[in-house]
Structures are given as structure tokens and as C-alpha cells.
Amino acid sequence: MSRSKALFAGLMAGLIAGIAMTTVMLLLACFGVATPLAIIGDRLSVFIPPGPFLALMGKVGDYNHLKQFGVGSTMAGQLVVGALGGAMFGLLMRRDPARRVTGVTIAVFVLLPIIALTIALWPVLGTSYVGFPIPVGRVVTLLGFALSVFVFERVLVGGFHFVARPNVAGEAGEFSPAIGRRSLIVGGLGLVVAGGGIALLRKLYRVATFSYDGTQYKGRIVQPITPNELFYCVTKNVIDPRVDVDLWHLEVDGLVQNRATYRFRDLEGFATVEQETTLMCISNGLDAGLISNAVWKGLALRDLIDPAAPLANAARVRFCGVDNYTDTVPLEKALEPTTLLAYQMNGKELPHRHGYPLRAIVPGYFGEKHVKWLTRIELTTAEAKGFYETQGWGPDFITPTRSRIDVPDHESRFSLHELRGPIEIKGIAYGGDRGISRVELSFDDGKTWDDADIYYAGGDLAWSLWAAHDGWSPTEPGDYVIVVRATDGEGAVQEWEPGRSPFSGATGFHKIVVHITA
């Protein structure tokens, strides 16, 4: 066989094998099996510092576009690698296209990729979107990948032999239309498989996180308790887990004397705790809505840690979710009575997007510490880091005091002639786990301050809602810069912290401009 014919046959067979492999992965994803299409991004992202990560996110649009770009790039990469692998196979087989080398192809296209994947993706192989424990999830992920690369190997070998097989009696020579007819048949089958893959991709897109990731809660709709469906949401996942509670369990291990495993019904037997707690994302801007408030019900984390008997060198607690997400908190914080493992949210079963069946609630810490879909609680040394800590976020994860003006909107315009009463000004204030004792408003960009009324106080762990006392009644036209500031329950006034890392959450004051005309 000529070199060009072997190369063409190999490229075609490799490309179609890559399409078949990707289609199998998409099918597995429909059943909650983790595949490289998702977990390669998880593995790589921890090596990208926050600055370049945010810059890349800005270039593609937002976090959802970045996730789509990551999955699309992985799929395209698989097809390219498949085609190149097929080309190499074709060149190696050109002297004797009919010979069978099953042992070699299994070793090169199945065993070698499995070994490479295991080494490269070991930290995230335990991902299970249906809730298998981490060791079981690791096995399921590897079995799914083994099936995918086995399909690749079989389609590659079969496709190449079909396209490149010697002409039979009655067919013309090497460069006859026979090779074209075979290529057309194989290409047609490839299009059919690709069509199936596209259908699966559309199905997965409909259940992906793109419709709710980045949900913000702000403006006139804000009320003391955020409805579950409006609660802010940030997720690293393209498709969030939908945990089968019958498969799920919670492990408590690490630097402890007594390891334990709990099923969901076991956790319901512990003393229940119900508390109102506000969560805020570390990426929440001064004017943004990545903050919400809910009433959580569950059990105190210390009720599981105390029986485990932490060892003397245990200093941090690492939370692990079924989606391979991890984060850590100091052991002393984990032992506080307000640090919870929640299974209800606002009187209802924890929604899937908010961590069903169990999530951590760590008052006073940014949202990334409130790990969802918990499956393991591991006591570790002081050096342990989680997903975003490894990426470079922090080092301060304690929420600073924040306040926000929700009404009116920035750049609002009012006419003195048309006003029929005071202008409503209201918003939220949040002091982490320190509560809020005072809220003040300035109508001259911070030169003078007036007290606002706190009409809802959620307690030390939750936000407060405030409003301008009797509204605002401007008497002169002009452009007014309205600023809000809060004082926490310990008496510390909200401030800008110039020495705080930009990756430890924003500080400062929310300002809006309101235009008053005659």
C-alpha cells in the first residue's frame, strides 16, 4: 500500500474512532459517569492562578463560556489526537494492511491511555455525579474510560482494515473507485455516530449548569429569606451532581482514632440544628448579587468530629464533594456549634444545585467553604489545601463587612417636579458571623453620614435589611453620590482594606449616582 493511501485510511479511521469514543463518553455522562470531557478541566484549573484565570474568563465572556470552551476544546483535542493516532497506525500498517496486531493495538490504544489517565487525573478520578463514594467513583470512572478507549481501538482497527483491505476479484487496482466507495461507507457511518453524539450533547446541554450558574440576587426583589430558586449559585461544574441517596454515604476519616461511615438516615438521627445563615461568594463585587440568605437545618459538624477523636496533629478539616471539589477550614472553626452539615434549606429538602443530600454551612466564611454534595470529611494537617486554595485564592477567607444599595438603581433619574413623595432607598448589610449593629447613608459621597433604619435583623450569622429613615427627599437638582456603610456587631466600621489580597474578596463601599432634575 502506498504511503498516501495508508495515511488517508488511518486518518479517516482515527477520526471516526475519535467520534465514536467521544459519543460513548457523552452517553456515559448521561448516566452520571465522570469522563475526561469534564474532569480534565477540573484537574487543569487548579494550576491556573486566579489572575490569569479571571483574565481568560474575561476574554471568553464569563464562567459559563469558559466551561463551554473547556469542554469543546477537550472534545476537539480528542478528535485531533484520534486522527493523529490513526495516521500513525496507518503508516505502521502500510506494508501489510491485512495483518492482525490486536495485542499491540490494545496495549497502545487502551492500556497506555488508561495508565496515563490514572496518573494524570488521579486527584479527580473519584468524581461521581450520582453520589458513589470516592473509591467506587474512581473505579467507575476508570471503567467508563476503559470502555471509551476500547471502542476507539475497535473502530480504528476495523475502520482501517475495511478501507485499506486489498481489492477482491472484480475490483480494479489500488487507486480504483473501490477505496472511494469504502471511504464513503465509513464516512457515512461516522456521520451517523456523530449525529448520535450531537443528540446526546443537546440533551446534556439542557441539564447543564449554564441556565443557573452565576444566578444573582439583588434589587427590588430582595427579601429577608431568599427563595430557594433565587438563591445565588456558583458552580465549577458543567453538569452538577444529582445524587442518588441510596448510593451515597458520608465518610469521616483522616487524622482520627475512630473512622466512621454514615448513611443519610443515620444523620437524621442526630440532634437537629436550625439556623439562619447568609452565604456570599468570594468573587462578589461591591454592587453584585452573589449573596443570599436562608434558614438551614441539619446537624452540628462537631457531632461527627468529636466521636472520631481527632489526633494531636489534626489542624484542619477538608470537605470533599462527590464532584471532586474540596475545601478546608480550621479545626477550631469546624468545632463551633454553628458550623453545620445541612440537609434542608428553607424548610425543604436541599435542592440538587445547592448540594443535595448534604452540604457544609460555615458561618462567616466565603461561599466556597460551604462545600456541596459532601461525601467525605477528612481531618488533616495545617498544610492541607482545597480546590481554590490550591489555585491561589485567599489567603483570607473570612468575609469582611459589606453593604449594598438595592433601590434605586445606579444612574437613576428623578424630577423634583414629578416627585409625589420621598425616594425609597434600601439595601442589605452583612457582617459575616459578627452581625450588623448600624447602617449609615451618605448623600454627598461620604462627607456626612445619616443613620438608616434596620427593618430586618437576621442575627449574628445573617444579613440585615435597611432603609433610609422616612426615605430621601432632595430639595435641589444635582448629581448625588449615595454611599452606604455598615458597622458590625463588634463595633467595627466597614472600610476599604488596601492591604487585602484582591483574591480574598472585595472591600470598600458601594456607591450609586442619582440624577435629580428640576
Protein backbone atom coordinates (compact mmCIF):
# COMPACT_ATOMS: atom_id res chain seq x y z
CA MET A 1 0.00 0.00 0.00
CA SER A 2 1.26 3.46 -0.84
CA ARG A 3 2.17 5.86 1.96
CA SER A 4 -0.55 8.35 0.97
CA LYS A 5 -3.26 5.70 0.91
CA ALA A 6 -2.19 4.33 4.30
CA LEU A 7 -2.11 7.83 5.75
CA PHE A 8 -5.55 8.66 4.38
CA ALA A 9 -7.08 5.40 5.60
CA GLY A 10 -5.53 5.84 9.04
CA LEU A 11 -6.63 9.47 9.38
CA MET A 12 -10.20 8.62 8.42
CA ALA A 13 -10.37 5.60 10.71
CA GLY A 14 -8.79 7.54 13.58
CA LEU A 15 -11.17 10.49 13.21
CA ILE A 16 -14.23 8.26 13.16
CA ALA A 17 -12.86 6.27 16.10
CA GLY A 18 -12.42 9.57 17.97
CA ILE A 19 -16.03 10.49 17.20
CA ALA A 20 -17.18 7.08 18.46
CA MET A 21 -15.11 7.42 21.65
CA THR A 22 -16.48 10.91 22.34
CA THR A 23 -20.03 9.70 21.73
CA VAL A 24 -19.53 6.90 24.26
CA MET A 25 -18.26 9.46 26.78
CA LEU A 26 -21.32 11.63 26.21
CA LEU A 27 -23.55 8.59 26.71
CA LEU A 28 -21.76 7.75 29.96
CA ALA A 29 -22.17 11.36 31.12
CA CYS A 30 -25.93 10.98 30.72
CA PHE A 31 -25.74 8.30 33.44
CA GLY A 32 -23.63 10.40 35.79
CA VAL A 33 -20.27 8.80 34.99
CA ALA A 34 -17.32 11.19 35.06
CA THR A 35 -15.35 11.37 31.83
CA PRO A 36 -12.29 13.33 30.66
CA LEU A 37 -14.66 15.76 28.93
CA ALA A 38 -15.39 17.26 32.37
CA ILE A 39 -12.64 16.28 34.77
CA ILE A 40 -9.67 17.35 32.62
CA GLY A 41 -10.82 20.93 33.15
CA ASP A 42 -11.11 20.34 36.90
CA ARG A 43 -7.59 18.96 37.01
CA LEU A 44 -6.01 21.72 34.95
CA SER A 45 -7.79 24.68 36.52
CA VAL A 46 -6.03 24.33 39.89
CA PHE A 47 -2.75 25.11 38.14
CA ILE A 48 -4.01 28.44 36.75
CA PRO A 49 -3.56 31.29 39.27
CA PRO A 50 -6.62 33.50 39.91
CA GLY A 51 -5.28 36.45 37.90
CA PRO A 52 -4.74 34.62 34.60
CA PHE A 53 -7.87 32.55 35.27
CA LEU A 54 -10.05 35.65 35.60
CA ALA A 55 -8.34 37.23 32.57
CA LEU A 56 -9.08 34.13 30.49
CA MET A 57 -12.66 34.13 31.73
CA GLY A 58 -12.99 37.77 30.69
CA LYS A 59 -11.70 37.05 27.20
CA VAL A 60 -14.28 34.31 26.53
CA GLY A 61 -17.14 36.20 28.17
CA ASP A 62 -17.93 34.66 31.55
CA TYR A 63 -17.53 31.49 33.60
CA ASN A 64 -20.18 29.59 31.64
CA HIS A 65 -18.50 30.42 28.34
CA LEU A 66 -15.18 29.33 29.82
CA LYS A 67 -16.65 25.97 30.80
CA GLN A 68 -18.14 25.53 27.34
CA PHE A 69 -14.79 26.45 25.81
CA GLY A 70 -13.06 23.89 28.04
CA VAL A 71 -15.39 21.03 27.13
CA GLY A 72 -15.35 21.98 23.44
CA SER A 73 -11.56 22.14 23.43
CA THR A 74 -11.34 18.72 25.08
CA MET A 75 -13.68 17.21 22.51
CA ALA A 76 -11.78 18.80 19.63
CA GLY A 77 -8.50 17.64 21.15
CA GLN A 78 -9.77 14.09 21.37
CA LEU A 79 -10.71 14.12 17.69
CA VAL A 80 -7.34 15.54 16.69
CA VAL A 81 -5.45 13.01 18.82
CA GLY A 82 -7.65 10.24 17.42
CA ALA A 83 -6.93 11.28 13.84
CA LEU A 84 -3.19 11.54 14.51
CA GLY A 85 -3.20 8.17 16.26
CA GLY A 86 -5.00 6.71 13.28
CA ALA A 87 -2.46 8.23 10.88
CA MET A 88 0.42 6.70 12.83
CA PHE A 89 -1.37 3.36 12.84
CA GLY A 90 -1.91 3.58 9.08
CA LEU A 91 1.75 4.31 8.40
CA LEU A 92 2.85 1.40 10.57
CA MET A 93 0.43 -0.93 8.80
CA ARG A 94 1.08 0.13 5.20
CA ARG A 95 3.45 -2.71 4.35
CA ASP A 96 0.91 -5.34 5.37
CA PRO A 97 -2.52 -3.79 5.94
CA ALA A 98 -4.21 -7.16 6.44
CA ARG A 99 -2.10 -8.36 9.36
CA ARG A 100 -3.72 -8.54 12.78
CA VAL A 101 -1.97 -6.81 15.67
CA THR A 102 -4.69 -6.89 18.29
CA GLY A 103 -2.29 -7.27 21.20
CA VAL A 104 -0.30 -4.24 20.13
CA THR A 105 -3.34 -2.02 19.49
CA ILE A 106 -4.91 -2.99 22.83
CA ALA A 107 -1.65 -2.10 24.57
CA VAL A 108 -1.14 1.20 22.72
CA PHE A 109 -4.71 2.48 22.38
CA VAL A 110 -6.32 1.01 25.54
CA LEU A 111 -3.86 0.12 28.29
CA LEU A 112 -1.44 3.00 27.74
CA PRO A 113 -4.20 5.69 27.81
CA ILE A 114 -5.70 4.14 30.95
CA ILE A 115 -2.33 4.27 32.71
CA ALA A 116 -1.70 7.82 31.55
CA LEU A 117 -5.17 8.96 32.63
CA THR A 118 -4.80 7.33 36.03
CA ILE A 119 -1.51 9.11 36.68
CA ALA A 120 -2.56 12.49 35.30
CA LEU A 121 -6.08 12.68 36.73
CA TRP A 122 -5.78 10.67 39.95
CA PRO A 123 -6.93 13.53 42.25
CA VAL A 124 -10.21 13.90 40.35
CA LEU A 125 -10.88 10.29 39.30
CA GLY A 126 -13.20 9.78 42.28
CA THR A 127 -15.75 12.15 40.76
CA SER A 128 -19.25 10.68 40.68
CA TYR A 129 -22.23 12.73 39.60
CA VAL A 130 -24.65 10.19 41.09
CA GLY A 131 -23.01 10.04 44.51
CA PHE A 132 -20.79 6.97 44.64
CA PRO A 133 -18.18 7.09 47.41
CA ILE A 134 -14.80 8.34 46.18
CA PRO A 135 -13.10 4.89 45.87
CA VAL A 136 -16.09 3.46 44.00
CA GLY A 137 -16.34 6.57 41.85
CA ARG A 138 -12.69 6.15 40.90
CA VAL A 139 -13.35 2.60 39.70
CA VAL A 140 -16.47 3.64 37.78
CA THR A 141 -14.61 6.50 36.08
CA LEU A 142 -11.78 4.19 35.01
CA LEU A 143 -14.19 1.54 33.75
CA GLY A 144 -16.03 4.18 31.72
CA PHE A 145 -12.77 5.45 30.25
CA ALA A 146 -11.65 1.87 29.51
CA LEU A 147 -14.89 1.28 27.60
CA SER A 148 -14.39 4.53 25.66
CA VAL A 149 -10.82 3.80 24.55
CA PHE A 150 -11.71 0.17 23.79
CA VAL A 151 -14.41 1.45 21.42
CA PHE A 152 -11.80 3.76 19.91
CA GLU A 153 -9.38 0.87 19.35
CA ARG A 154 -12.00 -1.43 17.81
CA VAL A 155 -13.39 1.27 15.49
CA LEU A 156 -9.89 2.36 14.47
CA VAL A 157 -8.71 -1.14 13.62
CA GLY A 158 -11.96 -2.20 11.99
CA GLY A 159 -12.31 1.02 10.01
CA PHE A 160 -8.73 0.92 8.77
CA HIS A 161 -8.93 -2.71 7.67
CA PHE A 162 -12.20 -2.07 5.87
CA VAL A 163 -10.90 0.98 3.97
CA ALA A 164 -7.42 -0.41 3.26
CA ARG A 165 -8.18 -4.07 2.61
CA PRO A 166 -6.86 -5.47 -0.70
CA ASN A 167 -9.21 -5.42 -3.65
CA VAL A 168 -11.16 -8.61 -4.22
CA ALA A 169 -11.75 -10.24 -7.54
CA GLY A 170 -13.55 -7.99 -9.97
CA GLU A 171 -12.28 -4.78 -8.35
CA ALA A 172 -9.77 -2.56 -10.11
CA GLY A 173 -6.28 -1.65 -8.93
CA GLU A 174 -5.04 0.17 -5.90
CA PHE A 175 -6.24 3.61 -6.92
CA SER A 176 -9.63 2.42 -8.20
CA PRO A 177 -13.00 3.77 -7.03
CA ALA A 178 -13.19 0.81 -4.59
CA ILE A 179 -11.23 2.72 -1.97
CA GLY A 180 -13.53 5.68 -2.53
CA ARG A 181 -16.65 3.57 -2.04
CA ARG A 182 -15.31 2.12 1.20
CA SER A 183 -14.31 5.55 2.46
CA LEU A 184 -17.78 6.82 1.64
CA ILE A 185 -19.37 3.97 3.60
CA VAL A 186 -17.11 4.52 6.62
CA GLY A 187 -17.62 8.27 6.41
CA GLY A 188 -21.39 7.79 6.32
CA LEU A 189 -21.24 5.58 9.42
CA GLY A 190 -19.11 8.24 11.07
CA LEU A 191 -21.75 10.87 10.33
CA VAL A 192 -24.42 8.65 11.87
CA VAL A 193 -22.36 8.24 15.04
CA ALA A 194 -21.62 11.97 15.08
CA GLY A 195 -25.34 12.64 14.79
CA GLY A 196 -25.94 10.48 17.84
CA GLY A 197 -23.21 12.35 19.69
CA ILE A 198 -24.77 15.70 18.81
CA ALA A 199 -28.16 14.48 20.07
CA LEU A 200 -26.55 13.43 23.36
CA LEU A 201 -24.73 16.75 23.57
CA ARG A 202 -28.00 18.63 23.18
CA LYS A 203 -29.58 16.52 25.91
CA LEU A 204 -26.69 17.22 28.26
CA TYR A 205 -26.77 20.93 27.42
CA ARG A 206 -30.38 21.10 28.58
CA VAL A 207 -29.42 19.79 32.04
CA ALA A 208 -26.13 21.70 32.24
CA THR A 209 -25.48 24.44 34.79
CA PHE A 210 -25.45 27.23 32.21
CA SER A 211 -29.05 28.25 32.98
CA TYR A 212 -28.39 28.97 36.66
CA ASP A 213 -24.64 29.24 37.28
CA GLY A 214 -23.96 32.85 38.22
CA THR A 215 -27.51 33.48 39.49
CA GLN A 216 -27.52 36.78 41.42
CA TYR A 217 -29.97 38.06 44.00
CA LYS A 218 -30.28 41.84 44.27
CA GLY A 219 -32.55 44.79 43.60
CA ARG A 220 -36.20 45.27 44.49
CA ILE A 221 -36.86 41.53 44.78
CA VAL A 222 -34.64 41.11 47.85
CA GLN A 223 -36.49 39.86 50.91
CA PRO A 224 -35.24 38.63 54.31
CA ILE A 225 -35.18 34.94 53.34
CA THR A 226 -34.10 34.19 49.79
CA PRO A 227 -36.38 31.70 47.97
CA ASN A 228 -34.50 28.54 47.06
CA GLU A 229 -34.94 29.05 43.33
CA LEU A 230 -33.49 32.59 43.55
CA PHE A 231 -30.58 31.81 45.89
CA TYR A 232 -27.28 32.79 44.30
CA CYS A 233 -25.41 29.94 42.69
CA VAL A 234 -21.81 29.44 41.58
CA THR A 235 -20.51 26.05 40.45
CA LYS A 236 -17.35 24.84 38.76
CA ASN A 237 -19.29 22.02 37.09
CA VAL A 238 -20.65 21.81 33.57
CA ILE A 239 -23.28 19.41 34.89
CA ASP A 240 -23.95 19.35 38.62
CA PRO A 241 -24.37 16.07 40.50
CA ARG A 242 -27.81 14.57 41.02
CA VAL A 243 -27.01 12.31 43.92
CA ASP A 244 -28.86 9.05 44.49
CA VAL A 245 -29.09 8.99 48.26
CA ASP A 246 -29.26 5.18 48.25
CA LEU A 247 -25.76 5.06 46.69
CA TRP A 248 -24.38 7.89 48.81
CA HIS A 249 -22.61 7.81 52.13
CA LEU A 250 -20.50 10.16 54.23
CA GLU A 251 -17.04 9.21 55.45
CA VAL A 252 -15.24 10.75 58.42
CA ASP A 253 -11.56 9.85 58.27
CA GLY A 254 -8.03 11.21 58.14
CA LEU A 255 -6.19 12.07 61.37
CA VAL A 256 -8.71 10.47 63.68
CA GLN A 257 -8.74 7.50 66.01
CA ASN A 258 -12.20 6.31 65.02
CA ARG A 259 -13.13 6.40 61.35
CA ALA A 260 -16.82 6.25 60.57
CA THR A 261 -19.23 5.95 57.67
CA TYR A 262 -22.78 7.30 57.77
CA ARG A 263 -25.79 6.78 55.57
CA PHE A 264 -28.30 9.59 55.19
CA ARG A 265 -30.78 8.02 57.60
CA ASP A 266 -28.03 7.89 60.24
CA LEU A 267 -27.56 11.66 60.04
CA GLU A 268 -31.26 12.26 60.56
CA GLY A 269 -30.90 10.58 63.95
CA PHE A 270 -28.61 13.29 65.34
CA ALA A 271 -29.85 16.32 67.22
CA THR A 272 -31.10 18.82 64.66
CA VAL A 273 -30.00 22.43 64.43
CA GLU A 274 -31.87 25.12 62.52
CA GLN A 275 -30.23 28.49 61.89
CA GLU A 276 -30.42 31.45 59.56
CA THR A 277 -27.12 31.98 57.76
CA THR A 278 -26.06 34.19 54.86
CA LEU A 279 -23.66 32.93 52.19
CA MET A 280 -21.54 35.22 49.98
CA CYS A 281 -19.20 34.30 47.14
CA ILE A 282 -15.57 35.42 47.36
CA SER A 283 -15.99 36.88 43.85
CA ASN A 284 -18.95 39.03 44.85
CA GLY A 285 -18.41 42.60 43.74
CA LEU A 286 -19.49 45.58 45.83
CA ASP A 287 -22.60 46.02 43.68
CA ALA A 288 -23.16 42.34 42.81
CA GLY A 289 -25.73 39.81 43.98
CA LEU A 290 -23.68 36.69 44.73
CA ILE A 291 -25.06 36.75 48.26
CA SER A 292 -28.25 35.24 49.70
CA ASN A 293 -29.83 34.25 52.98
CA ALA A 294 -31.57 31.04 54.04
CA VAL A 295 -32.67 29.01 57.03
CA TRP A 296 -30.63 25.81 57.13
CA LYS A 297 -31.45 22.64 59.04
CA GLY A 298 -29.07 19.82 59.80
CA LEU A 299 -26.64 18.74 62.48
CA ALA A 300 -23.60 20.30 64.08
CA LEU A 301 -20.39 19.14 62.41
CA ARG A 302 -18.77 18.63 65.80
CA ASP A 303 -21.29 15.86 66.50
CA LEU A 304 -19.39 13.78 63.92
CA ILE A 305 -15.88 15.04 64.69
CA ASP A 306 -15.98 14.53 68.46
CA PRO A 307 -16.72 10.75 68.27
CA ALA A 308 -13.97 10.41 65.66
CA ALA A 309 -11.42 11.61 68.26
CA PRO A 310 -9.04 13.85 66.26
CA LEU A 311 -5.33 13.13 66.65
CA ALA A 312 -2.99 15.71 68.16
CA ASN A 313 -1.63 16.83 64.76
CA ALA A 314 -5.07 17.40 63.24
CA ALA A 315 -5.35 21.12 62.45
CA ARG A 316 -7.77 21.48 59.53
CA VAL A 317 -10.87 19.79 58.19
CA ARG A 318 -11.11 19.08 54.47
CA PHE A 319 -14.58 18.80 52.95
CA CYS A 320 -14.82 16.63 49.81
CA GLY A 321 -17.79 16.70 47.43
CA VAL A 322 -18.82 13.94 45.05
CA ASP A 323 -17.83 16.29 42.19
CA ASN A 324 -14.15 16.20 43.36
CA TYR A 325 -14.42 19.73 44.80
CA THR A 326 -12.57 20.18 48.10
CA ASP A 327 -12.02 22.96 50.60
CA THR A 328 -10.66 23.31 54.12
CA VAL A 329 -11.43 25.16 57.34
CA PRO A 330 -9.53 25.31 60.65
CA LEU A 331 -10.46 22.54 63.07
CA GLU A 332 -11.49 25.08 65.70
CA LYS A 333 -13.97 26.61 63.22
CA ALA A 334 -15.33 23.17 62.39
CA LEU A 335 -15.98 22.54 66.08
CA GLU A 336 -18.03 25.70 66.57
CA PRO A 337 -21.70 24.86 67.24
CA THR A 338 -22.87 27.00 64.32
CA THR A 339 -20.84 25.06 61.72
CA LEU A 340 -23.40 22.71 60.26
CA LEU A 341 -23.97 19.84 57.90
CA ALA A 342 -27.26 20.90 56.31
CA TYR A 343 -29.81 18.69 54.60
CA GLN A 344 -32.70 21.17 54.47
CA MET A 345 -32.95 24.68 53.07
CA ASN A 346 -35.86 26.95 53.98
CA GLY A 347 -37.92 24.03 55.24
CA LYS A 348 -37.44 21.90 52.13
CA GLU A 349 -35.13 19.11 51.05
CA LEU A 350 -31.81 20.57 49.94
CA PRO A 351 -32.13 21.33 46.19
CA HIS A 352 -29.75 19.45 43.88
CA ARG A 353 -28.00 22.63 42.74
CA HIS A 354 -27.39 23.58 46.37
CA GLY A 355 -25.77 20.31 47.41
CA TYR A 356 -28.33 17.55 47.97
CA PRO A 357 -28.18 15.50 50.11
CA LEU A 358 -25.68 17.29 52.38
CA ARG A 359 -23.62 20.47 52.36
CA ALA A 360 -21.42 22.34 54.80
CA ILE A 361 -22.52 25.63 56.34
CA VAL A 362 -19.57 27.61 57.75
CA PRO A 363 -20.85 30.99 59.02
CA GLY A 364 -18.60 33.96 58.43
CA TYR A 365 -16.58 32.31 55.66
CA PHE A 366 -16.94 32.86 51.94
CA GLY A 367 -19.25 30.59 49.96
CA GLU A 368 -16.51 28.35 48.58
CA LYS A 369 -16.08 26.91 52.08
CA HIS A 370 -19.72 25.78 52.21
CA VAL A 371 -18.95 22.64 50.19
CA LYS A 372 -21.91 20.99 48.43
CA TRP A 373 -22.66 17.31 47.77
CA LEU A 374 -20.47 16.27 50.71
CA THR A 375 -19.18 12.71 50.72
CA ARG A 376 -16.07 12.87 52.88
CA ILE A 377 -14.89 14.85 55.91
CA GLU A 378 -11.16 14.43 56.38
CA LEU A 379 -9.10 15.74 59.28
CA THR A 380 -5.71 16.88 58.04
CA THR A 381 -2.58 18.79 58.97
CA ALA A 382 -2.26 22.57 58.79
CA GLU A 383 -0.74 22.36 55.28
CA ALA A 384 -3.85 20.91 53.62
CA LYS A 385 -5.43 22.96 50.83
CA GLY A 386 -8.62 22.77 48.85
CA PHE A 387 -9.53 23.42 45.21
CA TYR A 388 -9.48 27.23 45.18
CA GLU A 389 -6.78 27.46 47.84
CA THR A 390 -4.51 25.42 45.57
CA GLN A 391 -5.41 27.70 42.67
CA GLY A 392 -4.26 30.71 44.69
CA TRP A 393 -7.39 32.31 46.15
CA GLY A 394 -7.11 33.77 49.63
CA PRO A 395 -5.30 33.72 51.95
CA ASP A 396 -8.11 35.41 53.90
CA PHE A 397 -11.45 33.63 53.59
CA ILE A 398 -13.28 35.42 56.41
CA THR A 399 -15.96 37.68 54.99
CA PRO A 400 -15.43 41.42 55.58
CA THR A 401 -18.35 43.64 56.48
CA ARG A 402 -20.27 44.58 53.35
CA SER A 403 -23.31 46.66 52.45
CA ARG A 404 -25.18 47.32 49.23
CA ILE A 405 -27.80 49.71 47.89
CA ASP A 406 -30.56 47.77 46.13
CA VAL A 407 -33.01 50.62 45.46
CA PRO A 408 -32.80 52.89 43.49
CA ASP A 409 -30.68 51.70 40.60
CA HIS A 410 -27.36 53.30 39.74
CA GLU A 411 -27.81 56.25 37.35
CA SER A 412 -31.49 56.61 38.27
CA ARG A 413 -33.17 59.89 37.33
CA PHE A 414 -35.90 61.74 39.20
CA SER A 415 -37.60 65.08 38.58
CA LEU A 416 -38.39 67.28 41.57
CA HIS A 417 -41.46 68.46 39.70
CA GLU A 418 -42.81 64.92 39.33
CA LEU A 419 -41.92 63.54 42.78
CA ARG A 420 -45.00 62.70 44.85
CA GLY A 421 -43.14 61.70 47.98
CA PRO A 422 -39.76 60.60 49.36
CA ILE A 423 -37.49 58.45 47.17
CA GLU A 424 -37.16 54.92 48.54
CA ILE A 425 -33.60 53.87 49.36
CA LYS A 426 -32.94 50.42 50.76
CA GLY A 427 -30.48 47.56 50.67
CA ILE A 428 -28.61 44.90 52.62
CA ALA A 429 -25.74 44.78 55.10
CA TYR A 430 -23.72 41.73 56.10
CA GLY A 431 -21.11 41.30 58.80
CA GLY A 432 -20.12 37.65 58.40
CA ASP A 433 -20.68 35.90 61.73
CA ARG A 434 -20.48 39.21 63.60
CA GLY A 435 -23.91 40.57 62.80
CA ILE A 436 -24.81 44.19 61.98
CA SER A 437 -25.39 46.91 64.57
CA ARG A 438 -25.66 50.04 62.42
CA VAL A 439 -26.12 51.19 58.83
CA GLU A 440 -25.40 54.73 57.59
CA LEU A 441 -26.06 56.59 54.36
CA SER A 442 -24.23 59.49 52.79
CA PHE A 443 -25.72 61.67 50.06
CA ASP A 444 -22.52 63.66 49.44
CA ASP A 445 -20.01 60.91 48.60
CA GLY A 446 -19.02 60.22 52.20
CA LYS A 447 -18.63 63.73 53.59
CA THR A 448 -21.53 63.41 56.03
CA TRP A 449 -23.49 60.41 57.26
CA ASP A 450 -27.05 59.75 58.45
CA ASP A 451 -28.36 56.64 60.18
CA ALA A 452 -30.59 54.30 58.21
CA ASP A 453 -33.28 52.11 59.76
CA ILE A 454 -32.61 48.39 60.09
CA TYR A 455 -36.04 46.91 59.44
CA TYR A 456 -34.90 43.28 59.40
CA ALA A 457 -32.08 41.90 61.56
CA GLY A 458 -31.20 38.31 60.71
CA GLY A 459 -28.94 37.81 63.72
CA ASP A 460 -25.20 37.39 64.07
CA LEU A 461 -24.90 34.89 61.19
CA ALA A 462 -27.15 36.56 58.64
CA TRP A 463 -27.63 39.80 56.80
CA SER A 464 -29.74 42.76 57.84
CA LEU A 465 -32.05 44.73 55.58
CA TRP A 466 -32.13 48.50 55.90
CA ALA A 467 -33.93 51.53 54.51
CA ALA A 468 -33.40 55.29 54.58
CA HIS A 469 -35.30 56.79 57.51
CA ASP A 470 -38.54 58.20 56.05
CA GLY A 471 -36.99 57.91 52.57
CA TRP A 472 -34.97 60.62 50.85
CA SER A 473 -36.40 63.99 49.88
CA PRO A 474 -33.83 66.01 47.90
CA THR A 475 -34.54 69.73 47.70
CA GLU A 476 -32.11 70.80 44.99
CA PRO A 477 -31.33 69.48 41.48
CA GLY A 478 -27.95 67.84 41.04
CA ASP A 479 -26.00 64.62 40.68
CA TYR A 480 -25.89 62.91 44.06
CA VAL A 481 -23.36 60.23 45.01
CA ILE A 482 -25.06 58.00 47.57
CA VAL A 483 -22.84 55.74 49.69
CA VAL A 484 -23.69 53.12 52.30
CA ARG A 485 -21.58 51.76 55.12
CA ALA A 486 -22.27 49.31 57.94
CA THR A 487 -20.95 48.63 61.40
CA ASP A 488 -20.72 45.02 62.50
CA GLY A 489 -21.93 43.62 65.80
CA GLU A 490 -18.48 44.02 67.34
CA GLY A 491 -18.41 47.75 66.60
CA ALA A 492 -16.02 47.68 63.64
CA VAL A 493 -17.00 50.08 60.84
CA GLN A 494 -16.90 48.85 57.26
CA GLU A 495 -13.77 50.06 55.49
CA TRP A 496 -11.60 49.66 52.45
CA GLU A 497 -8.65 47.41 53.21
CA PRO A 498 -5.84 48.39 50.81
CA GLY A 499 -3.57 45.59 52.03
CA ARG A 500 -6.11 42.84 51.44
CA SER A 501 -5.39 40.49 48.56
CA PRO A 502 -7.74 41.02 45.60
CA PHE A 503 -8.34 37.28 45.75
CA SER A 504 -9.59 37.45 49.35
CA GLY A 505 -12.81 39.27 48.48
CA ALA A 506 -13.52 42.90 47.67
CA THR A 507 -13.67 45.59 50.36
CA GLY A 508 -14.79 49.19 50.20
CA PHE A 509 -18.11 50.96 49.77
CA HIS A 510 -20.97 50.61 47.36
CA LYS A 511 -21.85 53.89 45.67
CA ILE A 512 -24.57 54.89 43.23
CA VAL A 513 -25.20 58.11 41.34
CA VAL A 514 -28.72 59.53 41.31
CA HIS A 515 -29.60 62.42 39.00
CA ILE A 516 -32.15 64.92 40.29
CA THR A 517 -33.56 67.41 37.81
CA ALA A 518 -35.89 70.33 38.26
